[in-house]
Amino acid sequence: MRPVHWLVLSCVAVVTCYFLLEIRLDRAFKPLSKLTGNSGKQSVADQAALTRTIPTFDGFDYEEQLVVLYNRVPKTGSTSFVNIAYDLCKQNRYHVLHINVTANMHVLSLPNQISFVRNVTKWHEMKPALYHGHMAFLDFSKFQIAHKPIYINLVRKPLDRLVSYYYFLRFGDNYRPNLVRKKAGNKITFDECVVQKQPDCDPKNMWLQIPFFCGHAAECWEPGSDWALKQAKRNLVNEYFLVGVTEQMYEFVDLLEKSLPRIFQGFREHYQNSNKSHLRVTSSKLPPNESTIQTIQRSKIWQMENELYEFALAQFEFTKKKLMQPDNKHLQQFMYEKIRPK
């Protein structure tokens, strides 16, 4: 063939590739611009339907690759919540995995941190997944992870949590009634413990919710650290999808079901109508008297832990309020409009 023939063939090939690419791009973008109708508006329901049928440009399926990480604080009602997840995992087609760390340690070693992060991220056979365990917040962004898990958690009034744990170590609960606990046989009440200034009721034992939200830094685990409290607040707002309070477990479950139905569909009804709403109740627990309460509340540790609790509660109430329209009768909605070019 003559050079001019090669030139003509090359031009034809370039033009053909251009038109094929244009057609593919037009089809890819058409659902976002053409399917809105004459009004130029697209409801959230329409958009959600489209995201289920059209793959994202990075090939990531946000529904089927969903990973929720519940780094549960002890004695906050987490057992009741997790058992609902186990009950519904087969029906909703997701996996539940418990993170069991040696000797119930709350901080992972550095090698285990990177192993855990990579394992959770790349274990696709387990996705969608709900991971749960008594471990401190771990920042996945430090490990070059493009798609981080969604963190959730619950907090409880700090003195209530401490008193519950104090009696739990002595009398156990109705979940595993025959298991002998570490302080079994110790009959000293929490009030007597405070009067005698014994270590089991030391306010320093309340220093747990702050470090759980603060993370794996050494300063997080220093009781009374102002930096740890500030970091816990930052993480609660910036790194957690939702943090509920034990006293409003139903509302916590309701928000999760409305927001992440791929995993939490049916949680609300199951929590309300099954026997899982109060699954783990301490067998014998005496409420502290007024003198004990005043003594504990004078401590800096209680004041800081309570500040985190009140901060989390305010955020949770704000989130609940924004779920509804101003009339408090209809769910808030949003839509896309004024989409150009048509």
C-alpha atoms as a PDB file:
ATOM      1  CA  MET A   1       0.000   0.000   0.000  1.00  0.00           C
ATOM      2  CA  ARG A   2       1.084   3.545  -0.715  1.00  0.00           C
ATOM      3  CA  PRO A   3       1.814   5.991   2.143  1.00  0.00           C
ATOM      4  CA  VAL A   4      -1.341   7.924   1.325  1.00  0.00           C
ATOM      5  CA  HIS A   5      -3.396   4.775   1.887  1.00  0.00           C
ATOM      6  CA  TRP A   6      -1.834   4.293   5.309  1.00  0.00           C
ATOM      7  CA  LEU A   7      -2.655   7.907   6.140  1.00  0.00           C
ATOM      8  CA  VAL A   8      -6.310   7.467   5.156  1.00  0.00           C
ATOM      9  CA  LEU A   9      -6.627   4.242   7.186  1.00  0.00           C
ATOM     10  CA  SER A  10      -5.068   5.917  10.213  1.00  0.00           C
ATOM     11  CA  CYS A  11      -7.526   8.808  10.011  1.00  0.00           C
ATOM     12  CA  VAL A  12     -10.485   6.426   9.714  1.00  0.00           C
ATOM     13  CA  ALA A  13      -9.281   4.463  12.762  1.00  0.00           C
ATOM     14  CA  VAL A  14      -8.883   7.631  14.864  1.00  0.00           C
ATOM     15  CA  VAL A  15     -12.350   8.936  13.929  1.00  0.00           C
ATOM     16  CA  THR A  16     -13.945   5.543  14.657  1.00  0.00           C
ATOM     17  CA  CYS A  17     -12.302   5.339  18.102  1.00  0.00           C
ATOM     18  CA  TYR A  18     -13.431   8.880  18.871  1.00  0.00           C
ATOM     19  CA  PHE A  19     -17.100   8.170  18.109  1.00  0.00           C
ATOM     20  CA  LEU A  20     -17.063   4.863  20.039  1.00  0.00           C
ATOM     21  CA  LEU A  21     -15.593   6.608  23.072  1.00  0.00           C
ATOM     22  CA  GLU A  22     -18.143   9.416  22.825  1.00  0.00           C
ATOM     23  CA  ILE A  23     -21.009   6.907  22.738  1.00  0.00           C
ATOM     24  CA  ARG A  24     -19.666   5.075  25.812  1.00  0.00           C
ATOM     25  CA  LEU A  25     -19.258   8.312  27.757  1.00  0.00           C
ATOM     26  CA  ASP A  26     -22.728   9.464  26.758  1.00  0.00           C
ATOM     27  CA  ARG A  27     -24.199   6.218  28.083  1.00  0.00           C
ATOM     28  CA  ALA A  28     -22.188   6.459  31.277  1.00  0.00           C
ATOM     29  CA  PHE A  29     -23.295  10.001  32.072  1.00  0.00           C
ATOM     30  CA  LYS A  30     -26.825   9.757  30.706  1.00  0.00           C
ATOM     31  CA  PRO A  31     -28.461   8.530  33.967  1.00  0.00           C
ATOM     32  CA  LEU A  32     -27.198  11.596  35.813  1.00  0.00           C
ATOM     33  CA  SER A  33     -28.396  14.147  33.293  1.00  0.00           C
ATOM     34  CA  LYS A  34     -31.080  12.617  31.049  1.00  0.00           C
ATOM     35  CA  LEU A  35     -33.268  10.651  33.404  1.00  0.00           C
ATOM     36  CA  THR A  36     -34.472  13.577  35.477  1.00  0.00           C
ATOM     37  CA  GLY A  37     -37.447  14.325  33.249  1.00  0.00           C
ATOM     38  CA  ASN A  38     -38.704  17.699  32.145  1.00  0.00           C
ATOM     39  CA  SER A  39     -38.543  19.140  35.629  1.00  0.00           C
ATOM     40  CA  GLY A  40     -34.774  18.815  35.760  1.00  0.00           C
ATOM     41  CA  LYS A  41     -35.039  17.263  39.239  1.00  0.00           C
ATOM     42  CA  GLN A  42     -33.922  13.903  40.543  1.00  0.00           C
ATOM     43  CA  SER A  43     -35.078  12.492  43.861  1.00  0.00           C
ATOM     44  CA  VAL A  44     -32.841  10.673  46.310  1.00  0.00           C
ATOM     45  CA  ALA A  45     -34.797   7.468  45.707  1.00  0.00           C
ATOM     46  CA  ASP A  46     -34.079   7.712  41.972  1.00  0.00           C
ATOM     47  CA  GLN A  47     -30.430   8.401  42.636  1.00  0.00           C
ATOM     48  CA  ALA A  48     -30.183   5.456  45.042  1.00  0.00           C
ATOM     49  CA  ALA A  49     -31.731   3.153  42.439  1.00  0.00           C
ATOM     50  CA  LEU A  50     -29.184   4.312  39.894  1.00  0.00           C
ATOM     51  CA  THR A  51     -26.230   3.738  42.222  1.00  0.00           C
ATOM     52  CA  ARG A  52     -27.370   0.145  42.702  1.00  0.00           C
ATOM     53  CA  THR A  53     -27.313  -0.545  38.961  1.00  0.00           C
ATOM     54  CA  ILE A  54     -24.441   1.610  37.715  1.00  0.00           C
ATOM     55  CA  PRO A  55     -20.910   0.811  38.914  1.00  0.00           C
ATOM     56  CA  THR A  56     -18.801   3.689  40.159  1.00  0.00           C
ATOM     57  CA  PHE A  57     -15.869   4.820  38.064  1.00  0.00           C
ATOM     58  CA  ASP A  58     -13.400   3.343  40.571  1.00  0.00           C
ATOM     59  CA  GLY A  59     -15.237  -0.009  40.405  1.00  0.00           C
ATOM     60  CA  PHE A  60     -16.131   0.131  44.128  1.00  0.00           C
ATOM     61  CA  ASP A  61     -19.531  -1.267  45.113  1.00  0.00           C
ATOM     62  CA  TYR A  62     -20.427   0.761  48.205  1.00  0.00           C
ATOM     63  CA  GLU A  63     -23.274  -1.545  49.197  1.00  0.00           C
ATOM     64  CA  GLU A  64     -21.623  -4.948  48.839  1.00  0.00           C
ATOM     65  CA  GLN A  65     -18.227  -3.719  50.043  1.00  0.00           C
ATOM     66  CA  LEU A  66     -19.707  -2.118  53.166  1.00  0.00           C
ATOM     67  CA  VAL A  67     -17.661  -2.625  56.341  1.00  0.00           C
ATOM     68  CA  VAL A  68     -18.946  -1.336  59.699  1.00  0.00           C
ATOM     69  CA  LEU A  69     -16.545  -1.333  62.651  1.00  0.00           C
ATOM     70  CA  TYR A  70     -18.080  -1.244  66.122  1.00  0.00           C
ATOM     71  CA  ASN A  71     -15.256  -0.755  68.645  1.00  0.00           C
ATOM     72  CA  ARG A  72     -17.626  -1.325  71.527  1.00  0.00           C
ATOM     73  CA  VAL A  73     -17.012   0.232  74.946  1.00  0.00           C
ATOM     74  CA  PRO A  74     -17.547  -2.363  77.735  1.00  0.00           C
ATOM     75  CA  LYS A  75     -20.775  -2.166  79.755  1.00  0.00           C
ATOM     76  CA  THR A  76     -22.637   0.151  77.382  1.00  0.00           C
ATOM     77  CA  GLY A  77     -25.285  -2.304  76.138  1.00  0.00           C
ATOM     78  CA  SER A  78     -23.146  -3.595  73.310  1.00  0.00           C
ATOM     79  CA  THR A  79     -24.004  -7.279  73.856  1.00  0.00           C
ATOM     80  CA  SER A  80     -27.692  -6.644  73.201  1.00  0.00           C
ATOM     81  CA  PHE A  81     -26.900  -4.770  69.994  1.00  0.00           C
ATOM     82  CA  VAL A  82     -24.399  -7.324  68.691  1.00  0.00           C
ATOM     83  CA  ASN A  83     -26.735 -10.264  69.251  1.00  0.00           C
ATOM     84  CA  ILE A  84     -29.335  -8.636  67.027  1.00  0.00           C
ATOM     85  CA  ALA A  85     -26.644  -8.468  64.357  1.00  0.00           C
ATOM     86  CA  TYR A  86     -25.956 -12.195  64.758  1.00  0.00           C
ATOM     87  CA  ASP A  87     -29.661 -13.003  64.585  1.00  0.00           C
ATOM     88  CA  LEU A  88     -30.181 -11.122  61.307  1.00  0.00           C
ATOM     89  CA  CYS A  89     -26.869 -11.711  59.506  1.00  0.00           C
ATOM     90  CA  LYS A  90     -28.075 -14.705  57.496  1.00  0.00           C
ATOM     91  CA  GLN A  91     -31.353 -13.064  56.553  1.00  0.00           C
ATOM     92  CA  ASN A  92     -29.648  -9.824  55.466  1.00  0.00           C
ATOM     93  CA  ARG A  93     -26.682 -11.597  53.835  1.00  0.00           C
ATOM     94  CA  TYR A  94     -23.743 -10.070  55.704  1.00  0.00           C
ATOM     95  CA  HIS A  95     -21.066 -11.389  58.067  1.00  0.00           C
ATOM     96  CA  VAL A  96     -20.473 -10.593  61.742  1.00  0.00           C
ATOM     97  CA  LEU A  97     -16.947 -11.017  63.095  1.00  0.00           C
ATOM     98  CA  HIS A  98     -15.717 -10.628  66.661  1.00  0.00           C
ATOM     99  CA  ILE A  99     -12.250  -9.098  67.161  1.00  0.00           C
ATOM    100  CA  ASN A 100     -10.636 -11.110  69.966  1.00  0.00           C
ATOM    101  CA  VAL A 101      -7.398  -9.511  71.203  1.00  0.00           C
ATOM    102  CA  THR A 102      -5.024 -11.323  73.566  1.00  0.00           C
ATOM    103  CA  ALA A 103      -5.884 -10.809  77.257  1.00  0.00           C
ATOM    104  CA  ASN A 104      -8.691  -8.393  76.313  1.00  0.00           C
ATOM    105  CA  MET A 105      -6.137  -5.698  75.474  1.00  0.00           C
ATOM    106  CA  HIS A 106      -7.699  -2.576  73.990  1.00  0.00           C
ATOM    107  CA  VAL A 107      -4.648  -1.425  72.001  1.00  0.00           C
ATOM    108  CA  LEU A 108      -3.206  -3.423  69.096  1.00  0.00           C
ATOM    109  CA  SER A 109       0.531  -3.839  68.638  1.00  0.00           C
ATOM    110  CA  LEU A 110       2.019  -2.083  65.617  1.00  0.00           C
ATOM    111  CA  PRO A 111       2.359  -5.303  63.544  1.00  0.00           C
ATOM    112  CA  ASN A 112      -1.209  -6.251  64.446  1.00  0.00           C
ATOM    113  CA  GLN A 113      -2.479  -2.801  63.482  1.00  0.00           C
ATOM    114  CA  ILE A 114      -1.290  -3.094  59.893  1.00  0.00           C
ATOM    115  CA  SER A 115      -2.332  -6.756  59.669  1.00  0.00           C
ATOM    116  CA  PHE A 116      -5.790  -5.956  60.967  1.00  0.00           C
ATOM    117  CA  VAL A 117      -6.262  -2.973  58.646  1.00  0.00           C
ATOM    118  CA  ARG A 118      -5.190  -4.923  55.571  1.00  0.00           C
ATOM    119  CA  ASN A 119      -7.206  -7.961  56.587  1.00  0.00           C
ATOM    120  CA  VAL A 120     -10.429  -6.021  57.099  1.00  0.00           C
ATOM    121  CA  THR A 121      -9.914  -4.123  53.844  1.00  0.00           C
ATOM    122  CA  LYS A 122      -9.018  -7.048  51.573  1.00  0.00           C
ATOM    123  CA  TRP A 123     -11.127  -9.873  53.014  1.00  0.00           C
ATOM    124  CA  HIS A 124     -13.763  -9.459  50.322  1.00  0.00           C
ATOM    125  CA  GLU A 125     -15.390 -12.850  50.977  1.00  0.00           C
ATOM    126  CA  MET A 126     -16.649 -11.486  54.301  1.00  0.00           C
ATOM    127  CA  LYS A 127     -18.197  -8.307  52.902  1.00  0.00           C
ATOM    128  CA  PRO A 128     -20.611  -6.761  53.709  1.00  0.00           C
ATOM    129  CA  ALA A 129     -19.387  -7.102  57.288  1.00  0.00           C
ATOM    130  CA  LEU A 130     -19.884  -5.888  60.829  1.00  0.00           C
ATOM    131  CA  TYR A 131     -16.712  -6.183  62.934  1.00  0.00           C
ATOM    132  CA  HIS A 132     -17.005  -5.719  66.690  1.00  0.00           C
ATOM    133  CA  GLY A 133     -14.653  -5.858  69.642  1.00  0.00           C
ATOM    134  CA  HIS A 134     -13.404  -4.024  72.725  1.00  0.00           C
ATOM    135  CA  MET A 135     -10.630  -2.058  71.066  1.00  0.00           C
ATOM    136  CA  ALA A 136      -9.628   1.595  70.758  1.00  0.00           C
ATOM    137  CA  PHE A 137     -10.286   3.628  67.639  1.00  0.00           C
ATOM    138  CA  LEU A 138      -7.764   2.893  64.886  1.00  0.00           C
ATOM    139  CA  ASP A 139      -7.210   5.433  62.098  1.00  0.00           C
ATOM    140  CA  PHE A 140      -7.212   3.478  58.823  1.00  0.00           C
ATOM    141  CA  SER A 141      -6.003   6.497  56.830  1.00  0.00           C
ATOM    142  CA  LYS A 142      -2.501   6.046  58.278  1.00  0.00           C
ATOM    143  CA  PHE A 143      -2.143   2.789  56.359  1.00  0.00           C
ATOM    144  CA  GLN A 144      -2.774   3.966  52.763  1.00  0.00           C
ATOM    145  CA  ILE A 145      -6.333   2.638  52.742  1.00  0.00           C
ATOM    146  CA  ALA A 146      -8.584   4.210  50.118  1.00  0.00           C
ATOM    147  CA  HIS A 147     -11.915   2.997  51.553  1.00  0.00           C
ATOM    148  CA  LYS A 148     -12.085   3.189  55.340  1.00  0.00           C
ATOM    149  CA  PRO A 149     -14.679   1.267  57.392  1.00  0.00           C
ATOM    150  CA  ILE A 150     -17.651   3.070  58.893  1.00  0.00           C
ATOM    151  CA  TYR A 151     -17.217   3.452  62.661  1.00  0.00           C
ATOM    152  CA  ILE A 152     -20.143   3.302  65.094  1.00  0.00           C
ATOM    153  CA  ASN A 153     -20.283   3.182  68.898  1.00  0.00           C
ATOM    154  CA  LEU A 154     -22.332   3.726  72.050  1.00  0.00           C
ATOM    155  CA  VAL A 155     -21.521   5.714  75.188  1.00  0.00           C
ATOM    156  CA  ARG A 156     -23.038   5.563  78.650  1.00  0.00           C
ATOM    157  CA  LYS A 157     -23.183   7.852  81.679  1.00  0.00           C
ATOM    158  CA  PRO A 158     -19.713   7.298  83.218  1.00  0.00           C
ATOM    159  CA  LEU A 159     -20.780   6.613  86.791  1.00  0.00           C
ATOM    160  CA  ASP A 160     -23.532   4.231  85.657  1.00  0.00           C
ATOM    161  CA  ARG A 161     -20.992   2.361  83.541  1.00  0.00           C
ATOM    162  CA  LEU A 162     -18.489   2.124  86.435  1.00  0.00           C
ATOM    163  CA  VAL A 163     -21.085   0.898  88.942  1.00  0.00           C
ATOM    164  CA  SER A 164     -22.367  -1.671  86.442  1.00  0.00           C
ATOM    165  CA  TYR A 165     -18.848  -2.973  85.828  1.00  0.00           C
ATOM    166  CA  TYR A 166     -18.079  -3.040  89.569  1.00  0.00           C
ATOM    167  CA  TYR A 167     -21.003  -5.355  90.334  1.00  0.00           C
ATOM    168  CA  PHE A 168     -20.543  -7.310  87.107  1.00  0.00           C
ATOM    169  CA  LEU A 169     -17.076  -8.424  88.291  1.00  0.00           C
ATOM    170  CA  ARG A 170     -18.639  -9.707  91.523  1.00  0.00           C
ATOM    171  CA  PHE A 171     -21.985 -11.182  90.515  1.00  0.00           C
ATOM    172  CA  GLY A 172     -21.846 -11.668  86.751  1.00  0.00           C
ATOM    173  CA  ASP A 173     -24.994 -11.345  84.674  1.00  0.00           C
ATOM    174  CA  ASN A 174     -27.922 -13.298  83.270  1.00  0.00           C
ATOM    175  CA  TYR A 175     -26.134 -13.817  79.938  1.00  0.00           C
ATOM    176  CA  ARG A 176     -23.656 -16.351  81.317  1.00  0.00           C
ATOM    177  CA  PRO A 177     -24.898 -16.916  84.886  1.00  0.00           C
ATOM    178  CA  ASN A 178     -22.644 -19.879  85.660  1.00  0.00           C
ATOM    179  CA  LEU A 179     -19.390 -18.139  84.782  1.00  0.00           C
ATOM    180  CA  VAL A 180     -17.358 -17.300  87.903  1.00  0.00           C
ATOM    181  CA  ARG A 181     -16.202 -13.683  87.709  1.00  0.00           C
ATOM    182  CA  LYS A 182     -12.877 -12.246  88.844  1.00  0.00           C
ATOM    183  CA  LYS A 183     -14.222 -10.675  92.061  1.00  0.00           C
ATOM    184  CA  ALA A 184     -16.756 -13.386  92.893  1.00  0.00           C
ATOM    185  CA  GLY A 185     -17.340 -13.612  96.650  1.00  0.00           C
ATOM    186  CA  ASN A 186     -16.491  -9.972  97.326  1.00  0.00           C
ATOM    187  CA  LYS A 187     -19.574  -8.557  99.059  1.00  0.00           C
ATOM    188  CA  ILE A 188     -18.388  -4.978  99.538  1.00  0.00           C
ATOM    189  CA  THR A 189     -20.893  -2.518  98.053  1.00  0.00           C
ATOM    190  CA  PHE A 190     -19.819   0.289  95.768  1.00  0.00           C
ATOM    191  CA  ASP A 191     -20.684   2.815  98.489  1.00  0.00           C
ATOM    192  CA  GLU A 192     -18.456   0.990 100.989  1.00  0.00           C
ATOM    193  CA  CYS A 193     -15.709   0.765  98.402  1.00  0.00           C
ATOM    194  CA  VAL A 194     -15.751   4.549  97.911  1.00  0.00           C
ATOM    195  CA  VAL A 195     -15.682   5.215 101.658  1.00  0.00           C
ATOM    196  CA  GLN A 196     -12.737   2.838 102.079  1.00  0.00           C
ATOM    197  CA  LYS A 197     -11.021   4.291  98.975  1.00  0.00           C
ATOM    198  CA  GLN A 198     -10.377   0.898  97.477  1.00  0.00           C
ATOM    199  CA  PRO A 199      -8.839   0.653  93.981  1.00  0.00           C
ATOM    200  CA  ASP A 200     -11.886  -1.027  92.357  1.00  0.00           C
ATOM    201  CA  CYS A 201     -13.951   2.162  92.701  1.00  0.00           C
ATOM    202  CA  ASP A 202     -11.133   4.598  92.007  1.00  0.00           C
ATOM    203  CA  PRO A 203     -12.422   7.246  89.566  1.00  0.00           C
ATOM    204  CA  LYS A 204      -9.440   6.406  87.341  1.00  0.00           C
ATOM    205  CA  ASN A 205     -11.341   3.243  86.424  1.00  0.00           C
ATOM    206  CA  MET A 206     -13.847   5.465  84.614  1.00  0.00           C
ATOM    207  CA  TRP A 207     -11.106   6.510  82.171  1.00  0.00           C
ATOM    208  CA  LEU A 208     -12.250   4.252  79.339  1.00  0.00           C
ATOM    209  CA  GLN A 209     -14.690   5.972  76.995  1.00  0.00           C
ATOM    210  CA  ILE A 210     -12.250   8.810  76.322  1.00  0.00           C
ATOM    211  CA  PRO A 211      -9.339   6.524  75.333  1.00  0.00           C
ATOM    212  CA  PHE A 212     -11.649   4.298  73.262  1.00  0.00           C
ATOM    213  CA  PHE A 213     -12.516   7.318  71.108  1.00  0.00           C
ATOM    214  CA  CYS A 214      -9.072   8.903  71.348  1.00  0.00           C
ATOM    215  CA  GLY A 215      -7.242   5.908  69.881  1.00  0.00           C
ATOM    216  CA  HIS A 216      -3.873   4.183  69.985  1.00  0.00           C
ATOM    217  CA  ALA A 217      -1.680   7.124  71.046  1.00  0.00           C
ATOM    218  CA  ALA A 218       0.056   6.775  74.408  1.00  0.00           C
ATOM    219  CA  GLU A 219      -1.434  10.043  75.661  1.00  0.00           C
ATOM    220  CA  CYS A 220      -4.938   8.663  75.134  1.00  0.00           C
ATOM    221  CA  TRP A 221      -4.426   6.274  78.034  1.00  0.00           C
ATOM    222  CA  GLU A 222      -3.148   8.849  80.523  1.00  0.00           C
ATOM    223  CA  PRO A 223      -6.041   9.449  82.985  1.00  0.00           C
ATOM    224  CA  GLY A 224      -6.924  13.127  83.117  1.00  0.00           C
ATOM    225  CA  SER A 225      -5.233  14.086  79.837  1.00  0.00           C
ATOM    226  CA  ASP A 226      -6.810  17.202  78.323  1.00  0.00           C
ATOM    227  CA  TRP A 227      -5.273  16.318  74.949  1.00  0.00           C
ATOM    228  CA  ALA A 228      -6.946  12.899  75.039  1.00  0.00           C
ATOM    229  CA  LEU A 229     -10.368  14.444  75.681  1.00  0.00           C
ATOM    230  CA  LYS A 230      -9.946  16.899  72.802  1.00  0.00           C
ATOM    231  CA  GLN A 231      -8.781  14.135  70.470  1.00  0.00           C
ATOM    232  CA  ALA A 232     -11.705  11.914  71.509  1.00  0.00           C
ATOM    233  CA  LYS A 233     -14.135  14.710  70.640  1.00  0.00           C
ATOM    234  CA  ARG A 234     -12.465  15.303  67.281  1.00  0.00           C
ATOM    235  CA  ASN A 235     -12.623  11.626  66.397  1.00  0.00           C
ATOM    236  CA  LEU A 236     -16.227  11.303  67.566  1.00  0.00           C
ATOM    237  CA  VAL A 237     -17.316  14.058  65.197  1.00  0.00           C
ATOM    238  CA  ASN A 238     -14.959  13.450  62.266  1.00  0.00           C
ATOM    239  CA  GLU A 239     -14.341   9.697  62.226  1.00  0.00           C
ATOM    240  CA  TYR A 240     -17.578   8.126  63.491  1.00  0.00           C
ATOM    241  CA  PHE A 241     -20.663   7.736  61.352  1.00  0.00           C
ATOM    242  CA  LEU A 242     -22.906   7.506  64.421  1.00  0.00           C
ATOM    243  CA  VAL A 243     -22.397   7.436  68.189  1.00  0.00           C
ATOM    244  CA  GLY A 244     -25.486   6.690  70.252  1.00  0.00           C
ATOM    245  CA  VAL A 245     -26.172   6.578  73.980  1.00  0.00           C
ATOM    246  CA  THR A 246     -27.136   3.495  75.964  1.00  0.00           C
ATOM    247  CA  GLU A 247     -30.215   5.219  77.349  1.00  0.00           C
ATOM    248  CA  GLN A 248     -31.569   5.640  73.790  1.00  0.00           C
ATOM    249  CA  MET A 249     -30.689   2.305  72.237  1.00  0.00           C
ATOM    250  CA  TYR A 250     -33.902   2.123  70.188  1.00  0.00           C
ATOM    251  CA  GLU A 251     -33.237   5.522  68.603  1.00  0.00           C
ATOM    252  CA  PHE A 252     -29.661   4.446  67.840  1.00  0.00           C
ATOM    253  CA  VAL A 253     -30.899   1.293  66.102  1.00  0.00           C
ATOM    254  CA  ASP A 254     -33.558   3.292  64.247  1.00  0.00           C
ATOM    255  CA  LEU A 255     -31.022   5.750  62.834  1.00  0.00           C
ATOM    256  CA  LEU A 256     -28.735   2.942  61.693  1.00  0.00           C
ATOM    257  CA  GLU A 257     -31.548   1.116  59.922  1.00  0.00           C
ATOM    258  CA  LYS A 258     -32.649   4.259  58.112  1.00  0.00           C
ATOM    259  CA  SER A 259     -29.079   5.160  57.116  1.00  0.00           C
ATOM    260  CA  LEU A 260     -27.406   1.803  56.395  1.00  0.00           C
ATOM    261  CA  PRO A 261     -30.213  -0.648  55.540  1.00  0.00           C
ATOM    262  CA  ARG A 262     -27.827  -2.985  53.684  1.00  0.00           C
ATOM    263  CA  ILE A 263     -26.775  -4.345  57.071  1.00  0.00           C
ATOM    264  CA  PHE A 264     -29.234  -2.951  59.611  1.00  0.00           C
ATOM    265  CA  GLN A 265     -32.541  -3.713  57.863  1.00  0.00           C
ATOM    266  CA  GLY A 266     -34.974  -5.144  60.430  1.00  0.00           C
ATOM    267  CA  PHE A 267     -32.910  -4.196  63.498  1.00  0.00           C
ATOM    268  CA  ARG A 268     -35.569  -1.861  64.858  1.00  0.00           C
ATOM    269  CA  GLU A 269     -38.378  -4.417  64.775  1.00  0.00           C
ATOM    270  CA  HIS A 270     -36.135  -7.170  66.130  1.00  0.00           C
ATOM    271  CA  TYR A 271     -34.941  -4.995  69.008  1.00  0.00           C
ATOM    272  CA  GLN A 272     -38.492  -4.013  69.894  1.00  0.00           C
ATOM    273  CA  ASN A 273     -40.158  -7.410  69.655  1.00  0.00           C
ATOM    274  CA  SER A 274     -37.467  -9.944  70.546  1.00  0.00           C
ATOM    275  CA  ASN A 275     -35.884 -10.694  73.914  1.00  0.00           C
ATOM    276  CA  LYS A 276     -32.645  -9.002  72.864  1.00  0.00           C
ATOM    277  CA  SER A 277     -33.382  -5.465  74.077  1.00  0.00           C
ATOM    278  CA  HIS A 278     -31.961  -6.155  77.564  1.00  0.00           C
ATOM    279  CA  LEU A 279     -29.921  -9.252  76.939  1.00  0.00           C
ATOM    280  CA  ARG A 280     -27.219  -8.697  79.533  1.00  0.00           C
ATOM    281  CA  VAL A 281     -28.356  -7.528  82.978  1.00  0.00           C
ATOM    282  CA  THR A 282     -26.013  -7.544  85.975  1.00  0.00           C
ATOM    283  CA  SER A 283     -27.352 -10.066  88.484  1.00  0.00           C
ATOM    284  CA  SER A 284     -27.059  -7.869  91.584  1.00  0.00           C
ATOM    285  CA  LYS A 285     -26.508  -4.122  91.500  1.00  0.00           C
ATOM    286  CA  LEU A 286     -27.156  -1.472  94.143  1.00  0.00           C
ATOM    287  CA  PRO A 287     -27.436   2.158  93.049  1.00  0.00           C
ATOM    288  CA  PRO A 288     -24.926   4.453  94.783  1.00  0.00           C
ATOM    289  CA  ASN A 289     -26.166   6.789  97.495  1.00  0.00           C
ATOM    290  CA  GLU A 290     -26.057  10.570  97.218  1.00  0.00           C
ATOM    291  CA  SER A 291     -22.843  10.902  99.204  1.00  0.00           C
ATOM    292  CA  THR A 292     -21.067   8.468  96.872  1.00  0.00           C
ATOM    293  CA  ILE A 293     -22.347  10.292  93.803  1.00  0.00           C
ATOM    294  CA  GLN A 294     -21.081  13.632  95.103  1.00  0.00           C
ATOM    295  CA  THR A 295     -17.666  12.145  95.936  1.00  0.00           C
ATOM    296  CA  ILE A 296     -17.266  10.670  92.455  1.00  0.00           C
ATOM    297  CA  GLN A 297     -18.504  13.805  90.710  1.00  0.00           C
ATOM    298  CA  ARG A 298     -15.849  15.926  92.428  1.00  0.00           C
ATOM    299  CA  SER A 299     -13.123  13.961  90.659  1.00  0.00           C
ATOM    300  CA  LYS A 300     -11.505  15.352  87.518  1.00  0.00           C
ATOM    301  CA  ILE A 301     -11.822  11.980  85.764  1.00  0.00           C
ATOM    302  CA  TRP A 302     -15.607  11.894  86.159  1.00  0.00           C
ATOM    303  CA  GLN A 303     -15.898  15.496  84.997  1.00  0.00           C
ATOM    304  CA  MET A 304     -13.899  14.783  81.839  1.00  0.00           C
ATOM    305  CA  GLU A 305     -15.653  11.505  81.050  1.00  0.00           C
ATOM    306  CA  ASN A 306     -18.999  13.177  81.658  1.00  0.00           C
ATOM    307  CA  GLU A 307     -17.984  16.026  79.341  1.00  0.00           C
ATOM    308  CA  LEU A 308     -17.403  13.494  76.570  1.00  0.00           C
ATOM    309  CA  TYR A 309     -20.735  11.819  77.325  1.00  0.00           C
ATOM    310  CA  GLU A 310     -22.625  15.126  77.205  1.00  0.00           C
ATOM    311  CA  PHE A 311     -20.792  16.036  73.993  1.00  0.00           C
ATOM    312  CA  ALA A 312     -21.795  12.721  72.402  1.00  0.00           C
ATOM    313  CA  LEU A 313     -25.384  13.099  73.641  1.00  0.00           C
ATOM    314  CA  ALA A 314     -25.682  16.597  72.153  1.00  0.00           C
ATOM    315  CA  GLN A 315     -24.376  15.343  68.813  1.00  0.00           C
ATOM    316  CA  PHE A 316     -26.769  12.384  68.885  1.00  0.00           C
ATOM    317  CA  GLU A 317     -29.752  14.625  69.670  1.00  0.00           C
ATOM    318  CA  PHE A 318     -28.718  16.956  66.848  1.00  0.00           C
ATOM    319  CA  THR A 319     -28.510  14.022  64.423  1.00  0.00           C
ATOM    320  CA  LYS A 320     -31.955  12.754  65.475  1.00  0.00           C
ATOM    321  CA  LYS A 321     -33.492  16.198  65.055  1.00  0.00           C
ATOM    322  CA  LYS A 322     -32.131  16.610  61.532  1.00  0.00           C
ATOM    323  CA  LEU A 323     -33.681  13.301  60.492  1.00  0.00           C
ATOM    324  CA  MET A 324     -37.089  14.956  60.274  1.00  0.00           C
ATOM    325  CA  GLN A 325     -38.532  17.958  58.477  1.00  0.00           C
ATOM    326  CA  PRO A 326     -39.426  20.991  60.635  1.00  0.00           C
ATOM    327  CA  ASP A 327     -42.989  19.687  61.019  1.00  0.00           C
ATOM    328  CA  ASN A 328     -41.605  16.548  62.783  1.00  0.00           C
ATOM    329  CA  LYS A 329     -44.000  14.429  60.716  1.00  0.00           C
ATOM    330  CA  HIS A 330     -41.976  13.596  57.624  1.00  0.00           C
ATOM    331  CA  LEU A 331     -38.424  12.463  56.978  1.00  0.00           C
ATOM    332  CA  GLN A 332     -36.051  15.027  55.569  1.00  0.00           C
ATOM    333  CA  GLN A 333     -35.343  14.556  51.844  1.00  0.00           C
ATOM    334  CA  PHE A 334     -33.134  16.128  49.227  1.00  0.00           C
ATOM    335  CA  MET A 335     -33.052  16.104  45.438  1.00  0.00           C
ATOM    336  CA  TYR A 336     -30.873  17.250  42.554  1.00  0.00           C
ATOM    337  CA  GLU A 337     -32.130  20.053  40.312  1.00  0.00           C
ATOM    338  CA  LYS A 338     -30.940  22.661  37.820  1.00  0.00           C
ATOM    339  CA  ILE A 339     -28.736  20.036  36.209  1.00  0.00           C
ATOM    340  CA  ARG A 340     -26.872  21.440  33.219  1.00  0.00           C
ATOM    341  CA  PRO A 341     -26.355  20.721  30.412  1.00  0.00           C
ATOM    342  CA  LYS A 342     -29.648  18.908  29.886  1.00  0.00           C
END
